[in-house]
Amino acid sequence: IPEGIDGERVDSALTRVLGLSRTVIARLLESGEV
């Protein structure tokens, strides 16, 4: 995790860093894949 997103929610942070949609990130989190 870079300093620029320190303190953000993980779903928001990964959406920004990985370039994936919030829907995809939410699905990964719900499936225990993060």
PDB file of all heavy atoms in Angstrom:
ATOM      1  N   ILE A   1       0.835  -1.198   0.000  1.00  0.00           N
ATOM      2  CA  ILE A   1       0.000   0.000   0.000  1.00  0.00           C
ATOM      3  C   ILE A   1       0.878   1.260   0.000  1.00  0.00           C
ATOM      4  O   ILE A   1       1.702   1.445   0.895  1.00  0.00           O
ATOM      5  CB  ILE A   1      -0.932   0.020   1.234  1.00  0.00           C
ATOM      6  CG1 ILE A   1      -1.900  -1.166   1.183  1.00  0.00           C
ATOM      7  CG2 ILE A   1      -1.695   1.335   1.309  1.00  0.00           C
ATOM      8  CD1 ILE A   1      -2.834  -1.165  -0.017  1.00  0.00           C
ATOM      9  N   PRO A   2       0.707   2.135  -0.997  1.00  0.00           N
ATOM     10  CA  PRO A   2       1.490   3.376  -1.044  1.00  0.00           C
ATOM     11  C   PRO A   2       0.956   4.416  -0.059  1.00  0.00           C
ATOM     12  O   PRO A   2      -0.188   4.327   0.402  1.00  0.00           O
ATOM     13  CB  PRO A   2       1.300   3.851  -2.491  1.00  0.00           C
ATOM     14  CG  PRO A   2      -0.014   3.278  -2.907  1.00  0.00           C
ATOM     15  CD  PRO A   2      -0.150   1.969  -2.184  1.00  0.00           C
ATOM     16  N   GLU A   3       1.764   5.421   0.241  1.00  0.00           N
ATOM     17  CA  GLU A   3       1.376   6.434   1.215  1.00  0.00           C
ATOM     18  C   GLU A   3       0.149   7.228   0.772  1.00  0.00           C
ATOM     19  O   GLU A   3      -0.630   7.702   1.592  1.00  0.00           O
ATOM     20  CB  GLU A   3       2.552   7.391   1.457  1.00  0.00           C
ATOM     21  CG  GLU A   3       3.701   6.767   2.214  1.00  0.00           C
ATOM     22  CD  GLU A   3       4.774   7.787   2.556  1.00  0.00           C
ATOM     23  OE1 GLU A   3       4.569   8.971   2.221  1.00  0.00           O
ATOM     24  OE2 GLU A   3       5.792   7.389   3.141  1.00  0.00           O
ATOM     25  N   GLY A   4      -0.022   7.363  -0.546  1.00  0.00           N
ATOM     26  CA  GLY A   4      -1.107   8.179  -1.070  1.00  0.00           C
ATOM     27  C   GLY A   4      -2.497   7.697  -0.733  1.00  0.00           C
ATOM     28  O   GLY A   4      -3.471   8.465  -0.815  1.00  0.00           O
ATOM     29  N   ILE A   5      -2.648   6.419  -0.355  1.00  0.00           N
ATOM     30  CA  ILE A   5      -3.974   5.899  -0.010  1.00  0.00           C
ATOM     31  C   ILE A   5      -4.021   5.409   1.434  1.00  0.00           C
ATOM     32  O   ILE A   5      -4.924   4.665   1.811  1.00  0.00           O
ATOM     33  CB  ILE A   5      -4.410   4.778  -0.977  1.00  0.00           C
ATOM     34  CG1 ILE A   5      -3.390   3.628  -0.995  1.00  0.00           C
ATOM     35  CG2 ILE A   5      -4.649   5.319  -2.368  1.00  0.00           C
ATOM     36  CD1 ILE A   5      -3.862   2.435  -1.817  1.00  0.00           C
ATOM     37  N   ASP A   6      -3.062   5.843   2.233  1.00  0.00           N
ATOM     38  CA  ASP A   6      -3.043   5.473   3.647  1.00  0.00           C
ATOM     39  C   ASP A   6      -4.343   5.919   4.326  1.00  0.00           C
ATOM     40  O   ASP A   6      -4.778   7.065   4.182  1.00  0.00           O
ATOM     41  CB  ASP A   6      -1.855   6.149   4.340  1.00  0.00           C
ATOM     42  CG  ASP A   6      -1.761   5.782   5.813  1.00  0.00           C
ATOM     43  OD1 ASP A   6      -1.606   4.596   6.117  1.00  0.00           O
ATOM     44  OD2 ASP A   6      -1.878   6.698   6.646  1.00  0.00           O
ATOM     45  N   GLY A   7      -4.986   4.992   5.022  1.00  0.00           N
ATOM     46  CA  GLY A   7      -6.204   5.298   5.760  1.00  0.00           C
ATOM     47  C   GLY A   7      -7.490   5.107   4.986  1.00  0.00           C
ATOM     48  O   GLY A   7      -8.582   5.217   5.553  1.00  0.00           O
ATOM     49  N   GLU A   8      -7.418   4.801   3.693  1.00  0.00           N
ATOM     50  CA  GLU A   8      -8.632   4.587   2.906  1.00  0.00           C
ATOM     51  C   GLU A   8      -9.213   3.199   3.182  1.00  0.00           C
ATOM     52  O   GLU A   8      -8.519   2.283   3.618  1.00  0.00           O
ATOM     53  CB  GLU A   8      -8.343   4.707   1.406  1.00  0.00           C
ATOM     54  CG  GLU A   8      -8.154   6.122   0.916  1.00  0.00           C
ATOM     55  CD  GLU A   8      -8.257   6.224  -0.601  1.00  0.00           C
ATOM     56  OE1 GLU A   8      -8.823   5.307  -1.230  1.00  0.00           O
ATOM     57  OE2 GLU A   8      -7.769   7.226  -1.147  1.00  0.00           O
ATOM     58  N   ARG A   9     -10.514   3.060   2.907  1.00  0.00           N
ATOM     59  CA  ARG A   9     -11.128   1.735   2.958  1.00  0.00           C
ATOM     60  C   ARG A   9     -10.481   0.849   1.900  1.00  0.00           C
ATOM     61  O   ARG A   9     -10.100   1.314   0.832  1.00  0.00           O
ATOM     62  CB  ARG A   9     -12.628   1.844   2.683  1.00  0.00           C
ATOM     63  CG  ARG A   9     -13.461   2.355   3.832  1.00  0.00           C
ATOM     64  CD  ARG A   9     -14.852   2.698   3.354  1.00  0.00           C
ATOM     65  NE  ARG A   9     -15.425   1.626   2.542  1.00  0.00           N
ATOM     66  CZ  ARG A   9     -16.452   0.865   2.907  1.00  0.00           C
ATOM     67  NH1 ARG A   9     -17.006   1.040   4.094  1.00  0.00           N
ATOM     68  NH2 ARG A   9     -16.932  -0.056   2.107  1.00  0.00           N
ATOM     69  N   VAL A  10     -10.371  -0.435   2.188  1.00  0.00           N
ATOM     70  CA  VAL A  10      -9.676  -1.329   1.277  1.00  0.00           C
ATOM     71  C   VAL A  10     -10.376  -1.428  -0.079  1.00  0.00           C
ATOM     72  O   VAL A  10      -9.716  -1.510  -1.120  1.00  0.00           O
ATOM     73  CB  VAL A  10      -9.501  -2.740   1.907  1.00  0.00           C
ATOM     74  CG1 VAL A  10     -10.844  -3.409   2.167  1.00  0.00           C
ATOM     75  CG2 VAL A  10      -8.626  -3.625   1.012  1.00  0.00           C
ATOM     76  N   ASP A  11     -11.731  -1.383  -0.102  1.00  0.00           N
ATOM     77  CA  ASP A  11     -12.412  -1.491  -1.391  1.00  0.00           C
ATOM     78  C   ASP A  11     -12.119  -0.276  -2.266  1.00  0.00           C
ATOM     79  O   ASP A  11     -11.847  -0.394  -3.462  1.00  0.00           O
ATOM     80  CB  ASP A  11     -13.919  -1.698  -1.226  1.00  0.00           C
ATOM     81  CG  ASP A  11     -14.584  -0.653  -0.348  1.00  0.00           C
ATOM     82  OD1 ASP A  11     -13.877   0.176   0.256  1.00  0.00           O
ATOM     83  OD2 ASP A  11     -15.826  -0.670  -0.251  1.00  0.00           O
ATOM     84  N   SER A  12     -12.121   0.910  -1.672  1.00  0.00           N
ATOM     85  CA  SER A  12     -11.811   2.131  -2.418  1.00  0.00           C
ATOM     86  C   SER A  12     -10.351   2.154  -2.856  1.00  0.00           C
ATOM     87  O   SER A  12     -10.030   2.508  -3.998  1.00  0.00           O
ATOM     88  CB  SER A  12     -12.134   3.353  -1.562  1.00  0.00           C
ATOM     89  OG  SER A  12     -11.730   4.543  -2.201  1.00  0.00           O
ATOM     90  N   ALA A  13      -9.463   1.758  -1.958  1.00  0.00           N
ATOM     91  CA  ALA A  13      -8.027   1.777  -2.250  1.00  0.00           C
ATOM     92  C   ALA A  13      -7.682   0.844  -3.412  1.00  0.00           C
ATOM     93  O   ALA A  13      -6.951   1.226  -4.334  1.00  0.00           O
ATOM     94  CB  ALA A  13      -7.240   1.388  -1.001  1.00  0.00           C
ATOM     95  N   LEU A  14      -8.222  -0.370  -3.386  1.00  0.00           N
ATOM     96  CA  LEU A  14      -7.905  -1.330  -4.444  1.00  0.00           C
ATOM     97  C   LEU A  14      -8.524  -0.923  -5.770  1.00  0.00           C
ATOM     98  O   LEU A  14      -7.955  -1.182  -6.836  1.00  0.00           O
ATOM     99  CB  LEU A  14      -8.374  -2.729  -4.042  1.00  0.00           C
ATOM    100  CG  LEU A  14      -7.633  -3.359  -2.852  1.00  0.00           C
ATOM    101  CD1 LEU A  14      -8.124  -4.779  -2.602  1.00  0.00           C
ATOM    102  CD2 LEU A  14      -6.123  -3.355  -3.078  1.00  0.00           C
ATOM    103  N   THR A  15      -9.695  -0.283  -5.720  1.00  0.00           N
ATOM    104  CA  THR A  15     -10.308   0.208  -6.956  1.00  0.00           C
ATOM    105  C   THR A  15      -9.381   1.201  -7.641  1.00  0.00           C
ATOM    106  O   THR A  15      -9.179   1.166  -8.854  1.00  0.00           O
ATOM    107  CB  THR A  15     -11.661   0.884  -6.653  1.00  0.00           C
ATOM    108  OG1 THR A  15     -12.557  -0.093  -6.120  1.00  0.00           O
ATOM    109  CG2 THR A  15     -12.272   1.473  -7.910  1.00  0.00           C
ATOM    110  N   ARG A  16      -8.778   2.089  -6.850  1.00  0.00           N
ATOM    111  CA  ARG A  16      -7.887   3.110  -7.408  1.00  0.00           C
ATOM    112  C   ARG A  16      -6.566   2.516  -7.895  1.00  0.00           C
ATOM    113  O   ARG A  16      -6.085   2.841  -8.978  1.00  0.00           O
ATOM    114  CB  ARG A  16      -7.610   4.175  -6.353  1.00  0.00           C
ATOM    115  CG  ARG A  16      -8.806   5.046  -6.033  1.00  0.00           C
ATOM    116  CD  ARG A  16      -8.500   6.012  -4.913  1.00  0.00           C
ATOM    117  NE  ARG A  16      -7.352   6.859  -5.219  1.00  0.00           N
ATOM    118  CZ  ARG A  16      -6.822   7.728  -4.376  1.00  0.00           C
ATOM    119  NH1 ARG A  16      -7.344   7.862  -3.166  1.00  0.00           N
ATOM    120  NH2 ARG A  16      -5.788   8.469  -4.717  1.00  0.00           N
ATOM    121  N   VAL A  17      -5.982   1.640  -7.099  1.00  0.00           N
ATOM    122  CA  VAL A  17      -4.645   1.134  -7.420  1.00  0.00           C
ATOM    123  C   VAL A  17      -4.665   0.106  -8.548  1.00  0.00           C
ATOM    124  O   VAL A  17      -3.814   0.119  -9.444  1.00  0.00           O
ATOM    125  CB  VAL A  17      -3.996   0.519  -6.164  1.00  0.00           C
ATOM    126  CG1 VAL A  17      -2.674  -0.156  -6.520  1.00  0.00           C
ATOM    127  CG2 VAL A  17      -3.761   1.598  -5.126  1.00  0.00           C
ATOM    128  N   LEU A  18      -5.661  -0.781  -8.532  1.00  0.00           N
ATOM    129  CA  LEU A  18      -5.691  -1.874  -9.503  1.00  0.00           C
ATOM    130  C   LEU A  18      -6.423  -1.515 -10.793  1.00  0.00           C
ATOM    131  O   LEU A  18      -6.307  -2.218 -11.800  1.00  0.00           O
ATOM    132  CB  LEU A  18      -6.346  -3.111  -8.876  1.00  0.00           C
ATOM    133  CG  LEU A  18      -5.622  -3.703  -7.665  1.00  0.00           C
ATOM    134  CD1 LEU A  18      -6.415  -4.866  -7.095  1.00  0.00           C
ATOM    135  CD2 LEU A  18      -4.208  -4.153  -8.047  1.00  0.00           C
ATOM    136  N   GLY A  19      -7.221  -0.428 -10.771  1.00  0.00           N
ATOM    137  CA  GLY A  19      -7.956  -0.046 -11.968  1.00  0.00           C
ATOM    138  C   GLY A  19      -9.151  -0.930 -12.249  1.00  0.00           C
ATOM    139  O   GLY A  19      -9.715  -0.885 -13.349  1.00  0.00           O
ATOM    140  N   LEU A  20      -9.564  -1.746 -11.277  1.00  0.00           N
ATOM    141  CA  LEU A  20     -10.747  -2.585 -11.429  1.00  0.00           C
ATOM    142  C   LEU A  20     -11.966  -1.840 -10.897  1.00  0.00           C
ATOM    143  O   LEU A  20     -11.843  -0.897 -10.117  1.00  0.00           O
ATOM    144  CB  LEU A  20     -10.571  -3.903 -10.665  1.00  0.00           C
ATOM    145  CG  LEU A  20      -9.410  -4.795 -11.107  1.00  0.00           C
ATOM    146  CD1 LEU A  20      -9.268  -5.979 -10.159  1.00  0.00           C
ATOM    147  CD2 LEU A  20      -9.624  -5.289 -12.536  1.00  0.00           C
ATOM    148  N   SER A  21     -13.162  -2.253 -11.315  1.00  0.00           N
ATOM    149  CA  SER A  21     -14.370  -1.588 -10.850  1.00  0.00           C
ATOM    150  C   SER A  21     -14.635  -1.941  -9.388  1.00  0.00           C
ATOM    151  O   SER A  21     -14.173  -2.961  -8.870  1.00  0.00           O
ATOM    152  CB  SER A  21     -15.572  -2.006 -11.697  1.00  0.00           C
ATOM    153  OG  SER A  21     -15.955  -3.332 -11.398  1.00  0.00           O
ATOM    154  N   ARG A  22     -15.411  -1.072  -8.708  1.00  0.00           N
ATOM    155  CA  ARG A  22     -15.770  -1.328  -7.315  1.00  0.00           C
ATOM    156  C   ARG A  22     -16.558  -2.641  -7.190  1.00  0.00           C
ATOM    157  O   ARG A  22     -16.468  -3.348  -6.184  1.00  0.00           O
ATOM    158  CB  ARG A  22     -16.580  -0.157  -6.754  1.00  0.00           C
ATOM    159  CG  ARG A  22     -16.805  -0.244  -5.252  1.00  0.00           C
ATOM    160  CD  ARG A  22     -17.583   0.957  -4.774  1.00  0.00           C
ATOM    161  NE  ARG A  22     -16.781   2.167  -4.757  1.00  0.00           N
ATOM    162  CZ  ARG A  22     -16.084   2.572  -3.712  1.00  0.00           C
ATOM    163  NH1 ARG A  22     -16.069   1.866  -2.600  1.00  0.00           N
ATOM    164  NH2 ARG A  22     -15.384   3.699  -3.755  1.00  0.00           N
ATOM    165  N   THR A  23     -17.357  -2.949  -8.237  1.00  0.00           N
ATOM    166  CA  THR A  23     -18.134  -4.194  -8.223  1.00  0.00           C
ATOM    167  C   THR A  23     -17.216  -5.408  -8.169  1.00  0.00           C
ATOM    168  O   THR A  23     -17.435  -6.343  -7.401  1.00  0.00           O
ATOM    169  CB  THR A  23     -19.021  -4.280  -9.476  1.00  0.00           C
ATOM    170  OG1 THR A  23     -19.872  -3.136  -9.535  1.00  0.00           O
ATOM    171  CG2 THR A  23     -19.871  -5.543  -9.451  1.00  0.00           C
ATOM    172  N   VAL A  24     -16.171  -5.410  -8.995  1.00  0.00           N
ATOM    173  CA  VAL A  24     -15.230  -6.540  -9.038  1.00  0.00           C
ATOM    174  C   VAL A  24     -14.480  -6.650  -7.712  1.00  0.00           C
ATOM    175  O   VAL A  24     -14.327  -7.742  -7.156  1.00  0.00           O
ATOM    176  CB  VAL A  24     -14.248  -6.381 -10.211  1.00  0.00           C
ATOM    177  CG1 VAL A  24     -13.130  -7.423 -10.126  1.00  0.00           C
ATOM    178  CG2 VAL A  24     -14.975  -6.500 -11.533  1.00  0.00           C
ATOM    179  N   ILE A  25     -14.023  -5.509  -7.178  1.00  0.00           N
ATOM    180  CA  ILE A  25     -13.307  -5.522  -5.903  1.00  0.00           C
ATOM    181  C   ILE A  25     -14.207  -6.053  -4.790  1.00  0.00           C
ATOM    182  O   ILE A  25     -13.781  -6.862  -3.948  1.00  0.00           O
ATOM    183  CB  ILE A  25     -12.798  -4.113  -5.551  1.00  0.00           C
ATOM    184  CG1 ILE A  25     -11.749  -3.640  -6.567  1.00  0.00           C
ATOM    185  CG2 ILE A  25     -12.235  -4.084  -4.140  1.00  0.00           C
ATOM    186  CD1 ILE A  25     -10.502  -4.496  -6.617  1.00  0.00           C
ATOM    187  N   ALA A  26     -15.467  -5.619  -4.776  1.00  0.00           N
ATOM    188  CA  ALA A  26     -16.408  -6.091  -3.755  1.00  0.00           C
ATOM    189  C   ALA A  26     -16.584  -7.604  -3.844  1.00  0.00           C
ATOM    190  O   ALA A  26     -16.650  -8.304  -2.821  1.00  0.00           O
ATOM    191  CB  ALA A  26     -17.753  -5.393  -3.913  1.00  0.00           C
ATOM    192  N   ARG A  27     -16.642  -8.111  -5.059  1.00  0.00           N
ATOM    193  CA  ARG A  27     -16.813  -9.559  -5.255  1.00  0.00           C
ATOM    194  C   ARG A  27     -15.599 -10.319  -4.726  1.00  0.00           C
ATOM    195  O   ARG A  27     -15.732 -11.377  -4.095  1.00  0.00           O
ATOM    196  CB  ARG A  27     -17.036  -9.852  -6.746  1.00  0.00           C
ATOM    197  CG  ARG A  27     -17.471 -11.282  -7.043  1.00  0.00           C
ATOM    198  CD  ARG A  27     -17.708 -11.473  -8.524  1.00  0.00           C
ATOM    199  NE  ARG A  27     -18.750 -10.563  -9.006  1.00  0.00           N
ATOM    200  CZ  ARG A  27     -18.615  -9.765 -10.062  1.00  0.00           C
ATOM    201  NH1 ARG A  27     -17.492  -9.745 -10.744  1.00  0.00           N
ATOM    202  NH2 ARG A  27     -19.604  -8.986 -10.439  1.00  0.00           N
ATOM    203  N   LEU A  28     -14.403  -9.788  -4.973  1.00  0.00           N
ATOM    204  CA  LEU A  28     -13.184 -10.433  -4.479  1.00  0.00           C
ATOM    205  C   LEU A  28     -13.144 -10.431  -2.954  1.00  0.00           C
ATOM    206  O   LEU A  28     -12.774 -11.433  -2.333  1.00  0.00           O
ATOM    207  CB  LEU A  28     -11.948  -9.719  -5.035  1.00  0.00           C
ATOM    208  CG  LEU A  28     -11.701  -9.802  -6.544  1.00  0.00           C
ATOM    209  CD1 LEU A  28     -10.501  -8.957  -6.929  1.00  0.00           C
ATOM    210  CD2 LEU A  28     -11.493 -11.250  -6.989  1.00  0.00           C
ATOM    211  N   LEU A  29     -13.533  -9.326  -2.349  1.00  0.00           N
ATOM    212  CA  LEU A  29     -13.552  -9.241  -0.889  1.00  0.00           C
ATOM    213  C   LEU A  29     -14.567 -10.202  -0.290  1.00  0.00           C
ATOM    214  O   LEU A  29     -14.298 -10.891   0.700  1.00  0.00           O
ATOM    215  CB  LEU A  29     -13.854  -7.804  -0.460  1.00  0.00           C
ATOM    216  CG  LEU A  29     -12.696  -6.799  -0.633  1.00  0.00           C
ATOM    217  CD1 LEU A  29     -13.215  -5.372  -0.633  1.00  0.00           C
ATOM    218  CD2 LEU A  29     -11.649  -6.991   0.456  1.00  0.00           C
ATOM    219  N   GLU A  30     -15.760 -10.244  -0.888  1.00  0.00           N
ATOM    220  CA  GLU A  30     -16.807 -11.137  -0.382  1.00  0.00           C
ATOM    221  C   GLU A  30     -16.414 -12.601  -0.510  1.00  0.00           C
ATOM    222  O   GLU A  30     -16.843 -13.440   0.287  1.00  0.00           O
ATOM    223  CB  GLU A  30     -18.110 -10.878  -1.143  1.00  0.00           C
ATOM    224  CG  GLU A  30     -18.747  -9.529  -0.811  1.00  0.00           C
ATOM    225  CD  GLU A  30     -19.843  -9.150  -1.789  1.00  0.00           C
ATOM    226  OE1 GLU A  30     -20.113  -9.954  -2.722  1.00  0.00           O
ATOM    227  OE2 GLU A  30     -20.432  -8.061  -1.633  1.00  0.00           O
ATOM    228  N   SER A  31     -15.577 -12.910  -1.492  1.00  0.00           N
ATOM    229  CA  SER A  31     -15.145 -14.298  -1.709  1.00  0.00           C
ATOM    230  C   SER A  31     -13.894 -14.656  -0.917  1.00  0.00           C
ATOM    231  O   SER A  31     -13.369 -15.764  -1.052  1.00  0.00           O
ATOM    232  CB  SER A  31     -14.882 -14.536  -3.212  1.00  0.00           C
ATOM    233  OG  SER A  31     -16.042 -14.267  -3.976  1.00  0.00           O
ATOM    234  N   GLY A  32     -13.407 -13.720  -0.115  1.00  0.00           N
ATOM    235  CA  GLY A  32     -12.221 -13.993   0.691  1.00  0.00           C
ATOM    236  C   GLY A  32     -10.939 -14.043  -0.104  1.00  0.00           C
ATOM    237  O   GLY A  32      -9.958 -14.669   0.316  1.00  0.00           O
ATOM    238  N   GLU A  33     -10.910 -13.363  -1.269  1.00  0.00           N
ATOM    239  CA  GLU A  33      -9.757 -13.429  -2.162  1.00  0.00           C
ATOM    240  C   GLU A  33      -8.839 -12.218  -2.026  1.00  0.00           C
ATOM    241  O   GLU A  33      -7.953 -11.990  -2.843  1.00  0.00           O
ATOM    242  CB  GLU A  33     -10.238 -13.610  -3.606  1.00  0.00           C
ATOM    243  CG  GLU A  33     -10.938 -14.969  -3.776  1.00  0.00           C
ATOM    244  CD  GLU A  33     -11.664 -15.110  -5.100  1.00  0.00           C
ATOM    245  OE1 GLU A  33     -11.917 -14.077  -5.746  1.00  0.00           O
ATOM    246  OE2 GLU A  33     -11.966 -16.242  -5.477  1.00  0.00           O
ATOM    247  N   VAL A  34      -9.066 -11.432  -0.974  1.00  0.00           N
ATOM    248  CA  VAL A  34      -8.172 -10.325  -0.627  1.00  0.00           C
ATOM    249  C   VAL A  34      -7.760 -10.538   0.820  1.00  0.00           C
ATOM    250  O   VAL A  34      -8.611 -10.628   1.712  1.00  0.00           O
ATOM    251  CB  VAL A  34      -8.881  -8.958  -0.781  1.00  0.00           C
ATOM    252  CG1 VAL A  34      -7.943  -7.835  -0.365  1.00  0.00           C
ATOM    253  CG2 VAL A  34      -9.357  -8.760  -2.220  1.00  0.00           C
TER     254      VAL A  34
END
